[in-house]
């Protein structure tokens, strides 16, 4: 088999790779609709001695370097129709096998979600709706005077990788000023994006909405803590679509309890969902969503299309766009 689907969840490839995408992949590579789990691969290793291309998505099996070398001696590429490849990519890369990810496709809905929350937060939507919806019209009316809207206000972006940069690009259609904290952001790229580089301290103390898009690694774990949340401007909003582990949630809860004026919009937590009885569930100024910012519903099919495009470019010796390297894994989410 020249090309195969590998996935421990056998329903996911059909969700991510549309019928049209699968038909084109079949015509180009012979890829069939059959999906193989890791157990099936280990039970029938000789089936994959000629496999050159693997397609997958959420549920991609994890293989060791030796397993890859023994089972997939002809493998050239893994096309992963989803976002992060941190959990499986290194052994493949160590064997000289190229890995491609649809992280850019997954970045689109995250950026769209984030921009929508930023605009609503600037308008005071989340705070005012809490009171208007229960009939406290006086309080809601008072809050109307506390929010600046989206004209000339400062927005803070933490992390200017694929998603953060796309958020910044989308915000260009609004009259907003953007500050960015990202140690890896060059002066040249900052100028291209039209943003002002700054420290976390300055970002939290001067921006009205702060959105986290940090890469998920050991260095960013617990990076966002009380030191920064305590500096947030009055009535400001913190948005997290990155990873819950980057936030010291105990600190955030403490600040939210003592300052009802600020709002936290959390699409991710650590763990997900928060444990039963967690303060996030009872804090009126904390809004939780169940990790919906990424590709959802029919949006996931965009990721399959991206991998089809990468495969076509690869076999035609054209420049690909979404190859992942070992160096990239150091800073990628």
Protein backbone atom coordinates (compact mmCIF):
# COMPACT_ATOMS: atom_id res chain seq x y z
CA UNK A 1 0.00 0.00 0.00
CA UNK A 2 1.62 3.20 -1.19
CA UNK A 3 -0.58 5.44 1.00
CA UNK A 4 -2.64 4.66 4.11
CA UNK A 5 -4.78 6.29 6.75
CA UNK A 6 -3.42 5.74 10.27
CA UNK A 7 -5.68 6.73 13.17
CA UNK A 8 -6.72 5.11 16.42
CA UNK A 9 -10.11 6.81 16.13
CA UNK A 10 -11.39 5.37 12.88
CA UNK A 11 -14.16 7.94 12.46
CA UNK A 12 -11.89 10.96 12.41
CA UNK A 13 -10.35 10.65 8.92
CA UNK A 14 -13.80 10.68 7.35
CA UNK A 15 -14.66 13.79 9.36
CA UNK A 16 -11.50 15.66 8.37
CA UNK A 17 -10.95 14.45 4.80
CA UNK A 18 -14.08 15.25 2.78
CA UNK A 19 -15.38 12.84 0.18
CA UNK A 20 -13.94 14.99 -2.62
CA UNK A 21 -10.56 15.19 -0.88
CA UNK A 22 -10.45 11.42 -0.36
CA UNK A 23 -11.39 10.78 -3.98
CA UNK A 24 -8.57 13.01 -5.20
CA UNK A 25 -6.08 11.38 -2.85
CA UNK A 26 -7.21 7.96 -4.09
CA UNK A 27 -6.70 8.98 -7.71
CA UNK A 28 -3.25 10.43 -6.98
CA UNK A 29 -1.84 7.91 -4.52
CA UNK A 30 -4.15 4.92 -4.35
CA UNK A 31 -5.22 5.87 -0.81
CA UNK A 32 -8.18 3.75 0.27
CA UNK A 33 -10.79 4.63 2.88
CA UNK A 34 -9.60 1.87 5.23
CA UNK A 35 -8.19 3.26 8.48
CA UNK A 36 -5.56 1.38 10.50
CA UNK A 37 -5.03 1.70 14.24
CA UNK A 38 -1.67 1.13 15.90
CA UNK A 39 -2.74 -2.31 17.11
CA UNK A 40 -3.62 -3.32 13.55
CA UNK A 41 -0.28 -2.01 12.30
CA UNK A 42 1.62 -4.00 14.92
CA UNK A 43 -0.42 -7.13 14.14
CA UNK A 44 0.28 -6.88 10.40
CA UNK A 45 3.61 -5.06 9.99
CA UNK A 46 4.40 -6.53 6.56
CA UNK A 47 1.38 -4.72 5.08
CA UNK A 48 3.22 -1.41 5.39
CA UNK A 49 6.69 -2.25 4.04
CA UNK A 50 5.91 -0.36 0.81
CA UNK A 51 3.98 2.53 2.40
CA UNK A 52 5.40 5.88 1.32
CA UNK A 53 2.72 8.25 2.59
CA UNK A 54 0.69 8.31 5.80
CA UNK A 55 -2.38 10.50 6.23
CA UNK A 56 -3.90 11.08 9.64
CA UNK A 57 -5.60 13.50 12.00
CA UNK A 58 -6.65 13.53 15.68
CA UNK A 59 -5.91 10.05 16.98
CA UNK A 60 -2.62 9.65 15.14
CA UNK A 61 -0.79 6.68 16.71
CA UNK A 62 2.51 7.27 18.47
CA UNK A 63 5.40 5.11 17.26
CA UNK A 64 8.94 4.77 18.55
CA UNK A 65 11.96 5.32 16.30
CA UNK A 66 12.62 1.59 16.12
CA UNK A 67 8.98 0.77 15.31
CA UNK A 68 9.01 3.29 12.49
CA UNK A 69 12.28 1.96 11.11
CA UNK A 70 11.08 -1.65 11.16
CA UNK A 71 7.47 -1.22 10.06
CA UNK A 72 7.72 1.69 7.62
CA UNK A 73 11.07 1.26 5.80
CA UNK A 74 9.78 3.06 2.69
CA UNK A 75 7.93 5.91 4.42
CA UNK A 76 8.65 9.40 3.06
CA UNK A 77 5.98 11.67 4.58
CA UNK A 78 3.30 11.95 7.25
CA UNK A 79 0.46 14.35 6.44
CA UNK A 80 -1.32 15.27 9.67
CA UNK A 81 -4.73 16.86 9.12
CA UNK A 82 -4.87 18.59 12.49
CA UNK A 83 -2.86 21.05 14.58
CA UNK A 84 -0.07 20.21 17.02
CA UNK A 85 2.32 17.38 16.13
CA UNK A 86 4.33 17.61 19.35
CA UNK A 87 3.12 14.26 20.67
CA UNK A 88 4.16 12.08 17.71
CA UNK A 89 6.48 13.89 15.28
CA UNK A 90 9.99 13.57 16.74
CA UNK A 91 10.51 9.83 16.10
CA UNK A 92 9.44 10.26 12.47
CA UNK A 93 11.69 13.28 11.99
CA UNK A 94 14.57 11.40 13.60
CA UNK A 95 14.15 8.74 10.90
CA UNK A 96 14.36 11.35 8.15
CA UNK A 97 10.63 11.26 7.41
CA UNK A 98 8.98 14.55 6.57
CA UNK A 99 6.01 15.67 8.68
CA UNK A 100 3.39 18.11 7.46
CA UNK A 101 0.72 19.64 9.69
CA UNK A 102 -2.50 21.51 9.02
CA UNK A 103 -1.76 23.88 11.89
CA UNK A 104 -2.27 26.83 9.55
CA UNK A 105 -5.76 25.63 8.66
CA UNK A 106 -6.55 25.20 12.34
CA UNK A 107 -5.26 28.71 12.95
CA UNK A 108 -8.04 30.25 10.85
CA UNK A 109 -11.04 29.46 13.09
CA UNK A 110 -8.99 30.17 16.24
CA UNK A 111 -8.13 33.61 14.89
CA UNK A 112 -11.73 34.23 13.81
CA UNK A 113 -12.98 33.23 17.26
CA UNK A 114 -10.38 35.40 18.98
CA UNK A 115 -11.06 38.50 16.91
CA UNK A 116 -14.80 38.19 17.57
CA UNK A 117 -14.16 37.98 21.33
CA UNK A 118 -11.81 40.98 21.23
CA UNK A 119 -14.39 43.17 19.49
CA UNK A 120 -17.16 42.07 21.86
CA UNK A 121 -14.91 42.60 24.88
CA UNK A 122 -14.07 46.14 23.78
CA UNK A 123 -17.81 46.84 23.63
CA UNK A 124 -18.37 45.45 27.14
CA UNK A 125 -20.62 42.72 25.78
CA UNK A 126 -19.71 40.09 28.36
CA UNK A 127 -19.99 42.29 31.43
CA UNK A 128 -23.14 44.12 30.38
CA UNK A 129 -24.98 41.00 29.24
CA UNK A 130 -24.56 39.49 32.72
CA UNK A 131 -26.65 42.26 34.21
CA UNK A 132 -29.02 43.07 31.34
CA UNK A 133 -30.00 39.40 31.03
CA UNK A 134 -31.20 39.23 34.66
CA UNK A 135 -33.00 42.57 34.59
CA UNK A 136 -30.38 44.68 36.39
CA UNK A 137 -30.81 47.44 33.85
CA UNK A 138 -29.26 50.15 36.01
CA UNK A 139 -25.98 48.28 36.40
CA UNK A 140 -25.86 47.41 32.70
CA UNK A 141 -26.46 51.06 31.78
CA UNK A 142 -23.72 52.22 34.14
CA UNK A 143 -21.25 49.84 32.51
CA UNK A 144 -21.92 51.32 29.07
CA UNK A 145 -19.77 54.26 30.12
CA UNK A 146 -16.83 52.01 31.08
CA UNK A 147 -15.91 50.40 27.77
CA UNK A 148 -14.01 52.12 24.94
CA UNK A 149 -15.18 50.22 21.88
CA UNK A 150 -12.77 49.37 19.06
CA UNK A 151 -11.44 52.74 17.93
CA UNK A 152 -7.82 53.46 18.83
CA UNK A 153 -7.74 51.10 21.83
CA UNK A 154 -4.79 48.88 22.73
CA UNK A 155 -5.03 45.11 22.27
CA UNK A 156 -2.31 42.82 23.63
CA UNK A 157 -1.29 39.63 21.82
CA UNK A 158 0.87 37.12 23.69
CA UNK A 159 2.71 35.02 21.12
CA UNK A 160 2.98 36.00 17.45
CA UNK A 161 3.22 32.56 15.91
CA UNK A 162 0.84 31.31 13.23
CA UNK A 163 -2.35 32.05 15.19
CA UNK A 164 -1.19 35.25 16.87
CA UNK A 165 0.03 36.67 13.57
CA UNK A 166 -3.26 35.79 11.86
CA UNK A 167 -5.19 37.52 14.67
CA UNK A 168 -3.06 40.61 14.14
CA UNK A 169 -3.68 40.54 10.38
CA UNK A 170 -7.45 40.22 10.91
CA UNK A 171 -7.43 43.09 13.41
CA UNK A 172 -6.02 45.41 10.74
CA UNK A 173 -9.55 46.06 9.48
CA UNK A 174 -10.32 47.67 12.85
CA UNK A 175 -8.89 50.93 14.16
CA UNK A 176 -6.94 49.26 16.96
CA UNK A 177 -3.38 49.48 18.28
CA UNK A 178 -1.64 46.17 18.91
CA UNK A 179 1.12 45.38 21.38
CA UNK A 180 2.87 42.02 21.29
CA UNK A 181 4.92 39.99 23.73
CA UNK A 182 6.97 37.35 21.91
CA UNK A 183 10.70 36.82 22.57
CA UNK A 184 11.04 35.28 19.10
CA UNK A 185 9.40 38.13 17.19
CA UNK A 186 11.99 39.96 15.12
CA UNK A 187 11.96 43.73 14.70
CA UNK A 188 11.46 43.20 10.97
CA UNK A 189 8.36 41.05 11.42
CA UNK A 190 6.97 43.40 14.06
CA UNK A 191 7.30 46.26 11.59
CA UNK A 192 5.65 44.19 8.87
CA UNK A 193 2.76 43.31 11.19
CA UNK A 194 2.46 46.92 12.34
CA UNK A 195 2.73 46.07 16.03
CA UNK A 196 4.68 47.35 19.02
CA UNK A 197 6.86 44.83 20.85
CA UNK A 198 6.70 45.06 24.64
CA UNK A 199 7.17 43.18 27.89
CA UNK A 200 4.43 41.11 29.54
CA UNK A 201 4.31 43.69 32.31
CA UNK A 202 3.60 46.53 29.87
CA UNK A 203 1.15 44.44 27.87
CA UNK A 204 -1.02 43.55 30.89
CA UNK A 205 -0.92 47.05 32.35
CA UNK A 206 -1.71 49.00 29.17
CA UNK A 207 -3.94 46.82 26.95
CA UNK A 208 -7.71 46.67 27.31
CA UNK A 209 -7.97 43.16 25.88
CA UNK A 210 -5.20 40.57 26.23
CA UNK A 211 -5.22 37.36 24.18
CA UNK A 212 -2.90 34.40 24.80
CA UNK A 213 -1.39 32.47 21.88
CA UNK A 214 1.84 31.19 23.43
CA UNK A 215 3.45 28.00 22.20
CA UNK A 216 2.78 25.09 24.53
CA UNK A 217 6.03 23.90 26.09
CA UNK A 218 7.77 23.56 29.45
CA UNK A 219 9.08 27.12 29.31
CA UNK A 220 5.60 28.66 28.98
CA UNK A 221 3.93 26.53 31.66
CA UNK A 222 2.66 28.77 34.44
CA UNK A 223 4.04 31.88 32.73
CA UNK A 224 0.84 33.90 33.18
CA UNK A 225 0.42 34.46 36.91
CA UNK A 226 -0.75 36.88 39.60
CA UNK A 227 2.12 39.26 38.86
CA UNK A 228 0.50 40.07 35.52
CA UNK A 229 -3.20 39.56 36.20
CA UNK A 230 -3.01 42.02 39.10
CA UNK A 231 -1.87 44.74 36.67
CA UNK A 232 -4.85 44.47 34.33
CA UNK A 233 -6.64 47.72 33.54
CA UNK A 234 -10.05 48.39 35.02
CA UNK A 235 -12.80 46.58 33.05
CA UNK A 236 -10.25 44.81 30.86
CA UNK A 237 -10.53 41.25 29.49
CA UNK A 238 -8.18 38.26 29.32
CA UNK A 239 -8.80 35.68 26.56
CA UNK A 240 -7.14 32.26 26.51
CA UNK A 241 -7.32 30.07 23.41
CA UNK A 242 -3.71 28.85 23.87
CA UNK A 243 -3.32 26.26 26.61
CA UNK A 244 -4.65 26.16 30.15
CA UNK A 245 -1.28 25.11 31.58
CA UNK A 246 0.21 28.49 30.66
CA UNK A 247 -2.03 30.13 33.27
CA UNK A 248 -1.62 29.80 37.03
CA UNK A 249 -5.35 29.29 37.44
CA UNK A 250 -5.31 29.72 41.22
CA UNK A 251 -3.89 33.21 40.70
CA UNK A 252 -6.43 34.05 38.02
CA UNK A 253 -9.30 32.90 40.26
CA UNK A 254 -8.01 35.05 43.09
CA UNK A 255 -7.90 38.15 40.89
CA UNK A 256 -11.34 37.46 39.38
CA UNK A 257 -12.82 37.14 42.88
CA UNK A 258 -11.32 40.41 44.09
CA UNK A 259 -11.98 42.36 40.88
CA UNK A 260 -15.44 41.92 39.42
CA UNK A 261 -14.67 44.58 36.82
CA UNK A 262 -12.34 42.35 34.78
CA UNK A 263 -13.43 39.39 32.65
CA UNK A 264 -11.75 36.11 31.70
CA UNK A 265 -12.83 34.23 28.57
CA UNK A 266 -11.34 30.74 28.76
CA UNK A 267 -11.66 28.30 25.89
CA UNK A 268 -8.92 26.16 27.42
CA UNK A 269 -8.17 25.16 31.03
CA UNK A 270 -5.90 22.72 32.87
CA UNK A 271 -7.39 20.14 33.01
CA UNK A 272 -10.17 20.33 30.43
CA UNK A 273 -12.86 20.68 31.59
CA UNK A 274 -12.11 22.12 35.05
CA UNK A 275 -12.64 19.70 37.89
CA UNK A 276 -16.04 19.59 39.56
CA UNK A 277 -16.39 22.41 42.09
CA UNK A 278 -13.72 24.58 40.48
CA UNK A 279 -14.23 28.33 41.16
CA UNK A 280 -14.37 29.00 37.40
CA UNK A 281 -17.90 27.56 37.42
CA UNK A 282 -19.26 30.07 39.91
CA UNK A 283 -17.36 33.24 39.06
CA UNK A 284 -19.70 35.55 37.19
CA UNK A 285 -16.82 37.27 35.41
CA UNK A 286 -15.39 34.01 34.07
CA UNK A 287 -16.77 32.69 30.77
CA UNK A 288 -15.94 29.11 29.81
CA UNK A 289 -16.29 27.45 26.42
CA UNK A 290 -15.42 23.77 25.73
CA UNK A 291 -12.34 24.22 23.51
CA UNK A 292 -14.34 25.35 20.48
CA UNK A 293 -11.98 27.98 19.08
CA UNK A 294 -10.17 25.50 16.84
CA UNK A 295 -11.61 23.74 13.81
CA UNK A 296 -15.13 22.64 14.60
CA UNK A 297 -17.99 21.14 12.60
CA UNK A 298 -17.38 21.49 8.86
CA UNK A 299 -14.33 23.68 9.58
CA UNK A 300 -12.26 20.53 10.14
CA UNK A 301 -12.46 19.68 6.43
CA UNK A 302 -10.23 22.67 5.69
CA UNK A 303 -7.40 20.72 7.36
CA UNK A 304 -7.83 17.73 5.07
CA UNK A 305 -7.74 20.04 2.05
CA UNK A 306 -4.50 21.62 3.28
CA UNK A 307 -2.86 18.19 3.48
CA UNK A 308 -4.08 17.31 0.00
CA UNK A 309 -2.49 20.50 -1.30
CA UNK A 310 0.78 19.73 0.51
CA UNK A 311 0.84 16.22 -0.92
CA UNK A 312 0.28 17.50 -4.47
CA UNK A 313 3.09 20.04 -4.08
CA UNK A 314 5.42 17.40 -2.66
CA UNK A 315 4.94 14.87 -5.46
CA UNK A 316 5.35 17.65 -8.05
CA UNK A 317 8.60 18.85 -6.43
CA UNK A 318 7.02 22.21 -5.66
CA UNK A 319 7.69 24.25 -2.53
CA UNK A 320 5.53 23.06 0.35
CA UNK A 321 4.25 25.45 3.03
CA UNK A 322 3.55 23.47 6.18
CA UNK A 323 6.43 21.10 6.76
CA UNK A 324 7.43 20.77 10.43
CA UNK A 325 11.07 20.50 11.48
CA UNK A 326 12.72 19.58 14.77
CA UNK A 327 13.77 23.21 15.18
CA UNK A 328 10.19 24.39 14.72
CA UNK A 329 8.97 22.07 17.49
CA UNK A 330 10.92 24.18 19.98
CA UNK A 331 8.50 27.11 19.57
CA UNK A 332 5.35 25.63 18.04
CA UNK A 333 2.19 25.13 20.05
